[in-house]
PDB file of N, CA and C in Angstrom:
ATOM      1  N   UNK A   1      21.534   7.810  -7.952  1.00  0.00           N
ATOM      2  CA  UNK A   1      20.304   7.483  -7.242  1.00  0.00           C
ATOM      3  C   UNK A   1      19.162   7.934  -7.910  1.00  0.00           C
ATOM      4  N   UNK A   2      18.196   7.124  -7.912  1.00  0.00           N
ATOM      5  CA  UNK A   2      16.801   7.485  -8.598  1.00  0.00           C
ATOM      6  C   UNK A   2      16.100   8.567  -8.126  1.00  0.00           C
ATOM      7  N   UNK A   3      15.346   9.325  -8.565  1.00  0.00           N
ATOM      8  CA  UNK A   3      14.379  10.295  -8.238  1.00  0.00           C
ATOM      9  C   UNK A   3      13.117  10.093  -8.957  1.00  0.00           C
ATOM     10  N   UNK A   4      12.222  10.158  -7.791  1.00  0.00           N
ATOM     11  CA  UNK A   4      10.988  10.405  -8.724  1.00  0.00           C
ATOM     12  C   UNK A   4      10.186  11.517  -9.133  1.00  0.00           C
ATOM     13  N   UNK A   5       9.681  11.707  -9.955  1.00  0.00           N
ATOM     14  CA  UNK A   5       9.148  13.097 -10.353  1.00  0.00           C
ATOM     15  C   UNK A   5       7.897  13.498  -9.578  1.00  0.00           C
ATOM     16  N   UNK A   6       7.782  15.100  -9.415  1.00  0.00           N
ATOM     17  CA  UNK A   6       6.896  15.331  -8.566  1.00  0.00           C
ATOM     18  C   UNK A   6       5.557  14.742  -8.939  1.00  0.00           C
ATOM     19  N   UNK A   7       5.127  14.721  -9.920  1.00  0.00           N
ATOM     20  CA  UNK A   7       3.788  13.854 -10.307  1.00  0.00           C
ATOM     21  C   UNK A   7       3.682  12.432  -9.662  1.00  0.00           C
ATOM     22  N   UNK A   8       4.808  11.942  -9.876  1.00  0.00           N
ATOM     23  CA  UNK A   8       4.635  10.203  -9.391  1.00  0.00           C
ATOM     24  C   UNK A   8       4.758  10.354  -7.697  1.00  0.00           C
ATOM     25  N   UNK A   9       5.548  11.496  -7.096  1.00  0.00           N
ATOM     26  CA  UNK A   9       5.346  11.444  -5.545  1.00  0.00           C
ATOM     27  C   UNK A   9       3.991  11.814  -5.298  1.00  0.00           C
ATOM     28  N   UNK A  10       3.476  13.018  -5.823  1.00  0.00           N
ATOM     29  CA  UNK A  10       2.220  13.484  -5.684  1.00  0.00           C
ATOM     30  C   UNK A  10       1.210  12.524  -5.607  1.00  0.00           C
ATOM     31  N   UNK A  11       1.117  11.851  -6.785  1.00  0.00           N
ATOM     32  CA  UNK A  11       0.015  10.554  -6.747  1.00  0.00           C
ATOM     33  C   UNK A  11       0.192   9.721  -5.897  1.00  0.00           C
ATOM     34  N   UNK A  12       1.609   9.027  -5.380  1.00  0.00           N
ATOM     35  CA  UNK A  12       1.489   8.137  -4.532  1.00  0.00           C
ATOM     36  C   UNK A  12       1.315   8.738  -3.261  1.00  0.00           C
ATOM     37  N   UNK A  13       1.634  10.040  -2.888  1.00  0.00           N
ATOM     38  CA  UNK A  13       1.268  10.832  -1.730  1.00  0.00           C
ATOM     39  C   UNK A  13      -0.202  10.812  -1.638  1.00  0.00           C
ATOM     40  N   UNK A  14      -1.042  10.941  -2.481  1.00  0.00           N
ATOM     41  CA  UNK A  14      -2.620  11.069  -2.397  1.00  0.00           C
ATOM     42  C   UNK A  14      -3.097   9.822  -1.906  1.00  0.00           C
ATOM     43  N   UNK A  15      -2.445   8.588  -2.257  1.00  0.00           N
ATOM     44  CA  UNK A  15      -2.909   7.584  -1.550  1.00  0.00           C
ATOM     45  C   UNK A  15      -3.331   7.649  -0.422  1.00  0.00           C
ATOM     46  N   UNK A  16      -2.518   8.566   0.452  1.00  0.00           N
ATOM     47  CA  UNK A  16      -2.859   9.148   1.687  1.00  0.00           C
ATOM     48  C   UNK A  16      -2.464   7.991   3.045  1.00  0.00           C
ATOM     49  N   UNK A  17      -2.486   7.046   2.638  1.00  0.00           N
ATOM     50  CA  UNK A  17      -2.217   6.045   4.136  1.00  0.00           C
ATOM     51  C   UNK A  17      -1.880   4.606   3.627  1.00  0.00           C
ATOM     52  N   UNK A  18      -0.862   4.155   3.912  1.00  0.00           N
ATOM     53  CA  UNK A  18      -0.391   2.723   3.538  1.00  0.00           C
ATOM     54  C   UNK A  18      -0.849   1.994   5.271  1.00  0.00           C
ATOM     55  N   UNK A  19      -1.699   0.951   5.125  1.00  0.00           N
ATOM     56  CA  UNK A  19      -1.750   0.156   6.219  1.00  0.00           C
ATOM     57  C   UNK A  19      -1.301  -1.048   5.878  1.00  0.00           C
ATOM     58  N   UNK A  20      -1.184  -1.561   7.288  1.00  0.00           N
ATOM     59  CA  UNK A  20      -0.674  -3.088   7.559  1.00  0.00           C
ATOM     60  C   UNK A  20      -1.630  -3.980   8.169  1.00  0.00           C
ATOM     61  N   UNK A  21      -1.593  -5.098   8.213  1.00  0.00           N
ATOM     62  CA  UNK A  21      -2.215  -5.773   9.098  1.00  0.00           C
ATOM     63  C   UNK A  21      -1.797  -6.279  10.319  1.00  0.00           C
ATOM     64  N   UNK A  22      -2.548  -6.312  11.462  1.00  0.00           N
ATOM     65  CA  UNK A  22      -1.834  -6.236  12.751  1.00  0.00           C
ATOM     66  C   UNK A  22      -2.584  -7.691  13.663  1.00  0.00           C
ATOM     67  N   UNK A  23      -2.803  -8.464  12.772  1.00  0.00           N
ATOM     68  CA  UNK A  23      -3.237  -9.716  13.383  1.00  0.00           C
ATOM     69  C   UNK A  23      -2.163 -10.448  14.304  1.00  0.00           C
ATOM     70  N   UNK A  24      -2.474 -10.853  15.527  1.00  0.00           N
ATOM     71  CA  UNK A  24      -1.594 -11.537  16.418  1.00  0.00           C
ATOM     72  C   UNK A  24      -0.764 -12.702  15.723  1.00  0.00           C
ATOM     73  N   UNK A  25      -1.470 -13.610  15.142  1.00  0.00           N
ATOM     74  CA  UNK A  25      -1.138 -14.652  14.558  1.00  0.00           C
ATOM     75  C   UNK A  25      -0.057 -14.181  13.260  1.00  0.00           C
ATOM     76  N   UNK A  26      -0.171 -13.514  12.518  1.00  0.00           N
ATOM     77  CA  UNK A  26       1.036 -13.116  11.612  1.00  0.00           C
ATOM     78  C   UNK A  26       2.266 -12.400  12.418  1.00  0.00           C
ATOM     79  N   UNK A  27       2.003 -11.767  13.437  1.00  0.00           N
ATOM     80  CA  UNK A  27       3.133 -11.316  14.193  1.00  0.00           C
ATOM     81  C   UNK A  27       3.953 -12.604  14.942  1.00  0.00           C
ATOM     82  N   UNK A  28       3.148 -13.504  15.154  1.00  0.00           N
ATOM     83  CA  UNK A  28       4.038 -14.788  15.890  1.00  0.00           C
ATOM     84  C   UNK A  28       4.677 -15.387  15.002  1.00  0.00           C
ATOM     85  N   UNK A  29       4.203 -15.369  13.705  1.00  0.00           N
ATOM     86  CA  UNK A  29       5.111 -16.342  12.610  1.00  0.00           C
ATOM     87  C   UNK A  29       6.384 -15.473  12.179  1.00  0.00           C
ATOM     88  N   UNK A  30       7.277 -16.545  12.059  1.00  0.00           N
ATOM     89  CA  UNK A  30       8.495 -15.753  11.477  1.00  0.00           C
ATOM     90  C   UNK A  30       8.287 -15.382   9.949  1.00  0.00           C
ATOM     91  N   UNK A  31       8.928 -14.422   9.481  1.00  0.00           N
ATOM     92  CA  UNK A  31       8.771 -13.883   8.110  1.00  0.00           C
ATOM     93  C   UNK A  31      10.187 -14.464   7.368  1.00  0.00           C
ATOM     94  N   UNK A  32       9.654 -14.927   5.989  1.00  0.00           N
ATOM     95  CA  UNK A  32      10.684 -15.349   5.431  1.00  0.00           C
ATOM     96  C   UNK A  32      11.498 -14.284   4.456  1.00  0.00           C
ATOM     97  N   UNK A  33      12.447 -13.818   4.500  1.00  0.00           N
ATOM     98  CA  UNK A  33      13.256 -13.013   4.273  1.00  0.00           C
ATOM     99  C   UNK A  33      13.223 -12.959   2.588  1.00  0.00           C
ATOM    100  N   UNK A  34      12.788 -14.210   1.899  1.00  0.00           N
ATOM    101  CA  UNK A  34      12.801 -13.976   0.665  1.00  0.00           C
ATOM    102  C   UNK A  34      11.132 -13.823  -0.098  1.00  0.00           C
ATOM    103  N   UNK A  35      10.506 -13.817   0.997  1.00  0.00           N
ATOM    104  CA  UNK A  35       8.976 -13.693   0.261  1.00  0.00           C
ATOM    105  C   UNK A  35       8.649 -12.487  -0.004  1.00  0.00           C
ATOM    106  N   UNK A  36       7.887 -12.430  -1.054  1.00  0.00           N
ATOM    107  CA  UNK A  36       7.189 -11.182  -1.794  1.00  0.00           C
ATOM    108  C   UNK A  36       6.732 -10.068  -0.618  1.00  0.00           C
ATOM    109  N   UNK A  37       6.976  -8.780  -0.866  1.00  0.00           N
ATOM    110  CA  UNK A  37       6.082  -8.027  -0.156  1.00  0.00           C
ATOM    111  C   UNK A  37       4.837  -7.726  -0.874  1.00  0.00           C
ATOM    112  N   UNK A  38       3.998  -7.891  -0.266  1.00  0.00           N
ATOM    113  CA  UNK A  38       2.436  -7.608  -1.204  1.00  0.00           C
ATOM    114  C   UNK A  38       1.759  -6.470  -1.091  1.00  0.00           C
ATOM    115  N   UNK A  39       1.525  -5.942  -2.097  1.00  0.00           N
ATOM    116  CA  UNK A  39       0.632  -4.411  -1.782  1.00  0.00           C
ATOM    117  C   UNK A  39      -0.593  -4.418  -2.708  1.00  0.00           C
ATOM    118  N   UNK A  40      -1.811  -3.893  -1.894  1.00  0.00           N
ATOM    119  CA  UNK A  40      -3.001  -3.831  -2.428  1.00  0.00           C
ATOM    120  C   UNK A  40      -3.401  -2.599  -2.819  1.00  0.00           C
ATOM    121  N   UNK A  41      -4.060  -2.059  -3.858  1.00  0.00           N
ATOM    122  CA  UNK A  41      -4.132  -0.951  -4.320  1.00  0.00           C
ATOM    123  C   UNK A  41      -5.626  -0.573  -5.394  1.00  0.00           C
ATOM    124  N   UNK A  42      -6.214   0.421  -5.190  1.00  0.00           N
ATOM    125  CA  UNK A  42      -7.269   0.364  -6.228  1.00  0.00           C
ATOM    126  C   UNK A  42      -6.640   1.065  -7.540  1.00  0.00           C
ATOM    127  N   UNK A  43      -7.071   0.756  -8.530  1.00  0.00           N
ATOM    128  CA  UNK A  43      -6.560   1.419 -10.092  1.00  0.00           C
ATOM    129  C   UNK A  43      -6.599   2.908  -9.814  1.00  0.00           C
ATOM    130  N   UNK A  44      -5.681   3.761 -10.296  1.00  0.00           N
ATOM    131  CA  UNK A  44      -5.635   5.078 -10.170  1.00  0.00           C
ATOM    132  C   UNK A  44      -6.293   5.751 -11.510  1.00  0.00           C
ATOM    133  N   UNK A  45      -6.637   5.197 -12.571  1.00  0.00           N
ATOM    134  CA  UNK A  45      -7.041   5.493 -13.470  1.00  0.00           C
ATOM    135  C   UNK A  45      -7.495   4.503 -14.549  1.00  0.00           C
ATOM    136  N   UNK A  46      -8.740   4.910 -15.277  1.00  0.00           N
ATOM    137  CA  UNK A  46      -9.542   3.908 -16.423  1.00  0.00           C
ATOM    138  C   UNK A  46      -8.627   3.688 -17.255  1.00  0.00           C
ATOM    139  N   UNK A  47      -7.656   4.404 -17.681  1.00  0.00           N
ATOM    140  CA  UNK A  47      -6.739   4.208 -18.725  1.00  0.00           C
ATOM    141  C   UNK A  47      -5.430   3.100 -18.685  1.00  0.00           C
ATOM    142  N   UNK A  48      -5.617   2.074 -19.285  1.00  0.00           N
ATOM    143  CA  UNK A  48      -4.752   0.823 -18.984  1.00  0.00           C
ATOM    144  C   UNK A  48      -3.333   1.199 -19.139  1.00  0.00           C
ATOM    145  N   UNK A  49      -3.042   2.394 -20.387  1.00  0.00           N
ATOM    146  CA  UNK A  49      -1.863   2.724 -21.117  1.00  0.00           C
ATOM    147  C   UNK A  49      -0.956   3.606 -19.949  1.00  0.00           C
ATOM    148  N   UNK A  50      -1.806   4.370 -19.098  1.00  0.00           N
ATOM    149  CA  UNK A  50      -1.123   5.331 -18.041  1.00  0.00           C
ATOM    150  C   UNK A  50      -0.498   4.780 -17.218  1.00  0.00           C
ATOM    151  N   UNK A  51       0.909   5.496 -17.071  1.00  0.00           N
ATOM    152  CA  UNK A  51       1.727   4.848 -15.801  1.00  0.00           C
ATOM    153  C   UNK A  51       1.159   5.189 -14.469  1.00  0.00           C
ATOM    154  N   UNK A  52       1.576   4.006 -14.090  1.00  0.00           N
ATOM    155  CA  UNK A  52       1.073   3.958 -12.415  1.00  0.00           C
ATOM    156  C   UNK A  52       2.129   4.148 -11.731  1.00  0.00           C
ATOM    157  N   UNK A  53       1.880   5.167 -10.626  1.00  0.00           N
ATOM    158  CA  UNK A  53       3.107   5.619  -9.495  1.00  0.00           C
ATOM    159  C   UNK A  53       3.258   4.439  -8.615  1.00  0.00           C
ATOM    160  N   UNK A  54       2.369   3.655  -8.521  1.00  0.00           N
ATOM    161  CA  UNK A  54       2.813   2.535  -7.482  1.00  0.00           C
ATOM    162  C   UNK A  54       3.379   1.441  -8.018  1.00  0.00           C
ATOM    163  N   UNK A  55       3.870   1.473  -9.394  1.00  0.00           N
ATOM    164  CA  UNK A  55       4.761   0.577  -9.748  1.00  0.00           C
ATOM    165  C   UNK A  55       6.070   1.006  -9.658  1.00  0.00           C
ATOM    166  N   UNK A  56       6.417   2.366  -9.928  1.00  0.00           N
ATOM    167  CA  UNK A  56       7.487   3.194  -9.466  1.00  0.00           C
ATOM    168  C   UNK A  56       7.832   2.849  -7.934  1.00  0.00           C
ATOM    169  N   UNK A  57       6.742   3.001  -7.245  1.00  0.00           N
ATOM    170  CA  UNK A  57       6.946   2.739  -5.481  1.00  0.00           C
ATOM    171  C   UNK A  57       7.517   1.271  -5.526  1.00  0.00           C
ATOM    172  N   UNK A  58       6.679   0.445  -6.445  1.00  0.00           N
ATOM    173  CA  UNK A  58       7.444  -0.885  -5.828  1.00  0.00           C
ATOM    174  C   UNK A  58       8.669  -1.228  -6.143  1.00  0.00           C
ATOM    175  N   UNK A  59       9.081  -0.580  -7.400  1.00  0.00           N
ATOM    176  CA  UNK A  59      10.598  -0.645  -7.857  1.00  0.00           C
ATOM    177  C   UNK A  59      11.441  -0.121  -6.775  1.00  0.00           C
ATOM    178  N   UNK A  60      11.129   0.889  -6.379  1.00  0.00           N
ATOM    179  CA  UNK A  60      12.001   1.619  -5.260  1.00  0.00           C
ATOM    180  C   UNK A  60      12.003   0.659  -4.003  1.00  0.00           C
ATOM    181  N   UNK A  61      11.035  -0.070  -3.609  1.00  0.00           N
ATOM    182  CA  UNK A  61      10.783  -1.053  -2.371  1.00  0.00           C
ATOM    183  C   UNK A  61      11.586  -1.988  -2.671  1.00  0.00           C
ATOM    184  N   UNK A  62      11.469  -2.704  -3.956  1.00  0.00           N
ATOM    185  CA  UNK A  62      12.305  -3.782  -3.984  1.00  0.00           C
ATOM    186  C   UNK A  62      13.876  -3.539  -4.146  1.00  0.00           C
ATOM    187  N   UNK A  63      14.554  -2.365  -4.649  1.00  0.00           N
ATOM    188  CA  UNK A  63      15.732  -1.887  -4.504  1.00  0.00           C
ATOM    189  C   UNK A  63      16.089  -1.868  -3.269  1.00  0.00           C
ATOM    190  N   UNK A  64      15.547  -1.453  -2.337  1.00  0.00           N
ATOM    191  CA  UNK A  64      15.875  -0.784  -0.780  1.00  0.00           C
ATOM    192  C   UNK A  64      15.793  -2.198   0.091  1.00  0.00           C
ATOM    193  N   UNK A  65      14.999  -2.932  -0.312  1.00  0.00           N
ATOM    194  CA  UNK A  65      14.792  -4.227   0.554  1.00  0.00           C
ATOM    195  C   UNK A  65      15.266  -5.603   0.118  1.00  0.00           C
ATOM    196  N   UNK A  66      15.475  -5.563  -1.350  1.00  0.00           N
ATOM    197  CA  UNK A  66      15.957  -6.612  -1.530  1.00  0.00           C
ATOM    198  C   UNK A  66      15.088  -8.102  -1.982  1.00  0.00           C
ATOM    199  N   UNK A  67      13.609  -7.549  -1.634  1.00  0.00           N
ATOM    200  CA  UNK A  67      12.898  -8.625  -1.675  1.00  0.00           C
ATOM    201  C   UNK A  67      11.960  -7.965  -3.199  1.00  0.00           C
ATOM    202  N   UNK A  68      11.215  -9.284  -3.604  1.00  0.00           N
ATOM    203  CA  UNK A  68      10.414  -8.732  -4.758  1.00  0.00           C
ATOM    204  C   UNK A  68       9.184  -8.118  -3.911  1.00  0.00           C
ATOM    205  N   UNK A  69       8.551  -7.484  -4.824  1.00  0.00           N
ATOM    206  CA  UNK A  69       7.086  -6.758  -4.415  1.00  0.00           C
ATOM    207  C   UNK A  69       6.218  -6.968  -5.621  1.00  0.00           C
ATOM    208  N   UNK A  70       5.030  -7.623  -4.909  1.00  0.00           N
ATOM    209  CA  UNK A  70       3.725  -7.804  -5.739  1.00  0.00           C
ATOM    210  C   UNK A  70       2.730  -6.683  -5.473  1.00  0.00           C
ATOM    211  N   UNK A  71       2.367  -6.213  -6.744  1.00  0.00           N
ATOM    212  CA  UNK A  71       1.213  -4.983  -6.643  1.00  0.00           C
ATOM    213  C   UNK A  71      -0.098  -5.957  -7.039  1.00  0.00           C
ATOM    214  N   UNK A  72      -0.897  -5.845  -6.191  1.00  0.00           N
ATOM    215  CA  UNK A  72      -2.370  -6.223  -6.886  1.00  0.00           C
ATOM    216  C   UNK A  72      -3.472  -5.099  -6.842  1.00  0.00           C
ATOM    217  N   UNK A  73      -3.991  -4.680  -8.102  1.00  0.00           N
ATOM    218  CA  UNK A  73      -5.088  -4.015  -7.997  1.00  0.00           C
ATOM    219  C   UNK A  73      -6.469  -4.597  -7.762  1.00  0.00           C
ATOM    220  N   UNK A  74      -7.221  -3.755  -6.699  1.00  0.00           N
ATOM    221  CA  UNK A  74      -8.590  -4.384  -6.368  1.00  0.00           C
ATOM    222  C   UNK A  74      -9.679  -3.447  -6.985  1.00  0.00           C
ATOM    223  N   UNK A  75     -10.891  -3.735  -6.838  1.00  0.00           N
ATOM    224  CA  UNK A  75     -11.790  -2.982  -7.245  1.00  0.00           C
ATOM    225  C   UNK A  75     -12.118  -1.799  -6.442  1.00  0.00           C
ATOM    226  N   UNK A  76     -11.733  -1.876  -5.004  1.00  0.00           N
ATOM    227  CA  UNK A  76     -12.470  -0.550  -4.476  1.00  0.00           C
ATOM    228  C   UNK A  76     -11.881  -0.782  -2.982  1.00  0.00           C
ATOM    229  N   UNK A  77     -12.032   0.267  -2.115  1.00  0.00           N
ATOM    230  CA  UNK A  77     -11.218   0.389  -1.139  1.00  0.00           C
ATOM    231  C   UNK A  77     -11.579  -0.959   0.082  1.00  0.00           C
ATOM    232  N   UNK A  78     -12.844  -1.392  -0.094  1.00  0.00           N
ATOM    233  CA  UNK A  78     -13.186  -2.339   1.059  1.00  0.00           C
ATOM    234  C   UNK A  78     -12.401  -3.589   0.354  1.00  0.00           C
ATOM    235  N   UNK A  79     -12.220  -4.098  -0.726  1.00  0.00           N
ATOM    236  CA  UNK A  79     -11.396  -4.874  -1.044  1.00  0.00           C
ATOM    237  C   UNK A  79      -9.951  -4.877  -0.744  1.00  0.00           C
ATOM    238  N   UNK A  80      -9.402  -3.570  -0.443  1.00  0.00           N
ATOM    239  CA  UNK A  80      -8.253  -3.464   0.152  1.00  0.00           C
ATOM    240  C   UNK A  80      -8.023  -3.868   1.432  1.00  0.00           C
ATOM    241  N   UNK A  81      -9.044  -3.068   2.278  1.00  0.00           N
ATOM    242  CA  UNK A  81      -9.123  -3.245   3.765  1.00  0.00           C
ATOM    243  C   UNK A  81      -9.400  -4.824   4.113  1.00  0.00           C
ATOM    244  N   UNK A  82     -10.290  -5.524   3.242  1.00  0.00           N
ATOM    245  CA  UNK A  82     -10.300  -7.047   3.451  1.00  0.00           C
ATOM    246  C   UNK A  82      -8.947  -8.006   3.216  1.00  0.00           C
ATOM    247  N   UNK A  83      -8.341  -7.354   2.154  1.00  0.00           N
ATOM    248  CA  UNK A  83      -7.042  -8.132   1.760  1.00  0.00           C
ATOM    249  C   UNK A  83      -6.124  -8.142   2.963  1.00  0.00           C
ATOM    250  N   UNK A  84      -6.297  -6.687   3.352  1.00  0.00           N
ATOM    251  CA  UNK A  84      -5.016  -6.779   4.593  1.00  0.00           C
ATOM    252  C   UNK A  84      -5.788  -7.341   6.008  1.00  0.00           C
ATOM    253  N   UNK A  85      -6.851  -7.238   6.194  1.00  0.00           N
ATOM    254  CA  UNK A  85      -7.354  -7.918   7.117  1.00  0.00           C
ATOM    255  C   UNK A  85      -7.289  -9.705   7.330  1.00  0.00           C
ATOM    256  N   UNK A  86      -7.478  -9.972   6.071  1.00  0.00           N
ATOM    257  CA  UNK A  86      -7.229 -11.612   5.884  1.00  0.00           C
ATOM    258  C   UNK A  86      -5.912 -11.955   5.804  1.00  0.00           C
ATOM    259  N   UNK A  87      -4.939 -11.354   5.678  1.00  0.00           N
ATOM    260  CA  UNK A  87      -3.482 -11.488   5.690  1.00  0.00           C
ATOM    261  C   UNK A  87      -3.266 -12.007   4.373  1.00  0.00           C
ATOM    262  N   UNK A  88      -3.930 -11.326   3.197  1.00  0.00           N
ATOM    263  CA  UNK A  88      -3.518 -11.723   1.848  1.00  0.00           C
ATOM    264  C   UNK A  88      -2.544 -10.635   1.295  1.00  0.00           C
ATOM    265  N   UNK A  89      -2.255  -9.471   1.763  1.00  0.00           N
ATOM    266  CA  UNK A  89      -1.655  -8.547   1.534  1.00  0.00           C
ATOM    267  C   UNK A  89      -0.762  -8.161   2.796  1.00  0.00           C
ATOM    268  N   UNK A  90       0.355  -7.619   2.726  1.00  0.00           N
ATOM    269  CA  UNK A  90       1.289  -6.916   3.824  1.00  0.00           C
ATOM    270  C   UNK A  90       0.571  -5.423   3.791  1.00  0.00           C
ATOM    271  N   UNK A  91       0.531  -4.770   2.891  1.00  0.00           N
ATOM    272  CA  UNK A  91       0.146  -3.215   2.885  1.00  0.00           C
ATOM    273  C   UNK A  91      -0.438  -3.019   1.790  1.00  0.00           C
ATOM    274  N   UNK A  92      -1.563  -1.945   2.346  1.00  0.00           N
ATOM    275  CA  UNK A  92      -2.558  -1.630   1.419  1.00  0.00           C
ATOM    276  C   UNK A  92      -2.499   0.206   1.183  1.00  0.00           C
ATOM    277  N   UNK A  93      -2.672   0.560   0.094  1.00  0.00           N
ATOM    278  CA  UNK A  93      -2.666   1.707  -0.139  1.00  0.00           C
ATOM    279  C   UNK A  93      -4.325   2.430  -0.386  1.00  0.00           C
ATOM    280  N   UNK A  94      -4.379   3.574   0.444  1.00  0.00           N
ATOM    281  CA  UNK A  94      -5.955   4.047   0.026  1.00  0.00           C
ATOM    282  C   UNK A  94      -5.601   5.581   0.951  1.00  0.00           C
ATOM    283  N   UNK A  95      -6.859   6.188   0.348  1.00  0.00           N
ATOM    284  CA  UNK A  95      -7.011   7.441   0.918  1.00  0.00           C
ATOM    285  C   UNK A  95      -7.151   7.632   2.495  1.00  0.00           C
ATOM    286  N   UNK A  96      -7.638   8.862   2.962  1.00  0.00           N
ATOM    287  CA  UNK A  96      -7.648   8.881   4.262  1.00  0.00           C
ATOM    288  C   UNK A  96      -8.892   8.309   4.907  1.00  0.00           C
ATOM    289  N   UNK A  97     -10.034   8.834   4.297  1.00  0.00           N
ATOM    290  CA  UNK A  97     -11.570   8.497   4.843  1.00  0.00           C
ATOM    291  C   UNK A  97     -11.261   6.755   5.260  1.00  0.00           C
ATOM    292  N   UNK A  98     -11.321   6.039   4.070  1.00  0.00           N
ATOM    293  CA  UNK A  98     -11.372   4.779   4.115  1.00  0.00           C
ATOM    294  C   UNK A  98     -10.306   4.066   4.996  1.00  0.00           C
ATOM    295  N   UNK A  99      -9.068   4.722   5.124  1.00  0.00           N
ATOM    296  CA  UNK A  99      -8.130   4.156   6.282  1.00  0.00           C
ATOM    297  C   UNK A  99      -8.617   4.480   7.440  1.00  0.00           C
ATOM    298  N   UNK A 100      -9.155   5.624   7.600  1.00  0.00           N
ATOM    299  CA  UNK A 100      -9.436   5.991   9.302  1.00  0.00           C
ATOM    300  C   UNK A 100     -10.557   4.852   9.557  1.00  0.00           C
ATOM    301  N   UNK A 101     -11.591   4.563   8.587  1.00  0.00           N
ATOM    302  CA  UNK A 101     -12.619   3.405   9.012  1.00  0.00           C
ATOM    303  C   UNK A 101     -11.770   2.005   9.285  1.00  0.00           C
ATOM    304  N   UNK A 102     -10.950   1.982   8.492  1.00  0.00           N
ATOM    305  CA  UNK A 102     -10.379   0.613   8.432  1.00  0.00           C
ATOM    306  C   UNK A 102      -9.396   0.288   9.951  1.00  0.00           C
ATOM    307  N   UNK A 103      -8.958   1.495  10.270  1.00  0.00           N
ATOM    308  CA  UNK A 103      -8.034   1.615  11.549  1.00  0.00           C
ATOM    309  C   UNK A 103      -9.299   1.128  12.724  1.00  0.00           C
ATOM    310  N   UNK A 104     -10.102   1.971  12.445  1.00  0.00           N
ATOM    311  CA  UNK A 104     -11.369   2.047  13.628  1.00  0.00           C
ATOM    312  C   UNK A 104     -11.994   0.075  13.662  1.00  0.00           C
ATOM    313  N   UNK A 105     -11.639  -0.799  12.924  1.00  0.00           N
ATOM    314  CA  UNK A 105     -12.064  -2.049  12.883  1.00  0.00           C
ATOM    315  C   UNK A 105     -10.952  -2.689  14.297  1.00  0.00           C
ATOM    316  N   UNK A 106      -9.983  -2.011  14.326  1.00  0.00           N
ATOM    317  CA  UNK A 106      -9.008  -2.428  15.466  1.00  0.00           C
ATOM    318  C   UNK A 106      -8.110  -3.757  15.120  1.00  0.00           C
ATOM    319  N   UNK A 107      -8.248  -3.787  13.475  1.00  0.00           N
ATOM    320  CA  UNK A 107      -7.346  -5.272  12.720  1.00  0.00           C
ATOM    321  C   UNK A 107      -6.503  -4.406  12.146  1.00  0.00           C
ATOM    322  N   UNK A 108      -6.628  -3.490  11.836  1.00  0.00           N
ATOM    323  CA  UNK A 108      -5.451  -2.673  10.865  1.00  0.00           C
ATOM    324  C   UNK A 108      -4.603  -1.437  11.625  1.00  0.00           C
ATOM    325  N   UNK A 109      -3.651  -1.274  11.223  1.00  0.00           N
ATOM    326  CA  UNK A 109      -2.913  -0.211  11.865  1.00  0.00           C
ATOM    327  C   UNK A 109      -2.302   0.878  10.861  1.00  0.00           C
ATOM    328  N   UNK A 110      -2.213   2.101  10.926  1.00  0.00           N
ATOM    329  CA  UNK A 110      -1.783   2.928   9.992  1.00  0.00           C
ATOM    330  C   UNK A 110      -0.154   2.911   9.879  1.00  0.00           C
ATOM    331  N   UNK A 111       0.537   2.692   8.792  1.00  0.00           N
ATOM    332  CA  UNK A 111       1.977   3.001   8.678  1.00  0.00           C
ATOM    333  C   UNK A 111       2.278   4.216   8.408  1.00  0.00           C
ATOM    334  N   UNK A 112       1.533   4.791   7.531  1.00  0.00           N
ATOM    335  CA  UNK A 112       2.231   6.013   7.113  1.00  0.00           C
ATOM    336  C   UNK A 112       0.756   6.961   6.751  1.00  0.00           C
ATOM    337  N   UNK A 113       1.214   8.343   6.874  1.00  0.00           N
ATOM    338  CA  UNK A 113      -0.085   9.089   6.252  1.00  0.00           C
ATOM    339  C   UNK A 113       0.425  10.477   5.880  1.00  0.00           C
ATOM    340  N   UNK A 114      -0.012  11.283   5.191  1.00  0.00           N
ATOM    341  CA  UNK A 114       0.308  12.421   4.430  1.00  0.00           C
ATOM    342  C   UNK A 114      -0.626  13.390   5.063  1.00  0.00           C
ATOM    343  N   UNK A 115      -0.125  14.433   5.531  1.00  0.00           N
ATOM    344  CA  UNK A 115      -1.257  15.607   5.831  1.00  0.00           C
ATOM    345  C   UNK A 115      -1.623  16.126   5.039  1.00  0.00           C
ATOM    346  N   UNK A 116      -3.321  16.422   5.264  1.00  0.00           N
ATOM    347  CA  UNK A 116      -3.830  17.137   4.222  1.00  0.00           C
ATOM    348  C   UNK A 116      -3.684  18.408   4.216  1.00  0.00           C
ATOM    349  N   UNK A 117      -3.715  19.046   2.653  1.00  0.00           N
ATOM    350  CA  UNK A 117      -3.691  20.400   2.617  1.00  0.00           C
ATOM    351  C   UNK A 117      -2.280  20.730   2.192  1.00  0.00           C
ATOM    352  N   UNK A 118      -1.539  19.741   2.268  1.00  0.00           N
ATOM    353  CA  UNK A 118       0.179  20.102   1.960  1.00  0.00           C
ATOM    354  C   UNK A 118       0.236  19.816   0.299  1.00  0.00           C
ATOM    355  N   UNK A 119       1.278  20.502   0.158  1.00  0.00           N
ATOM    356  CA  UNK A 119       1.560  20.702  -1.604  1.00  0.00           C
ATOM    357  C   UNK A 119       2.966  20.549  -1.551  1.00  0.00           C
TER     358      UNK A 119
END
């Protein structure tokens, strides 16, 4: 069994919230079991050589679901929200405040959240 190191878990946890789109049209369509799971996130570092914990998360998700996972880095939180709202991605990773604003639009549902102040 593969285990993530504490820094990887911490960095993935710092994204604080995974969001999914909840548009009625997307729910009505059948999902292709071989279609990739798409994730949008902002870059976690300015250093392109730094290890990205989202890639480790994507690998684990691929192993558990048997589906390919595509991760797209977007420039800011607004881009993550708009990618979800437009059905371009299935999951968006972001911190608490932008995700709360996204949920308030009524077009995005919170899937997972990490409690603040926990270590």
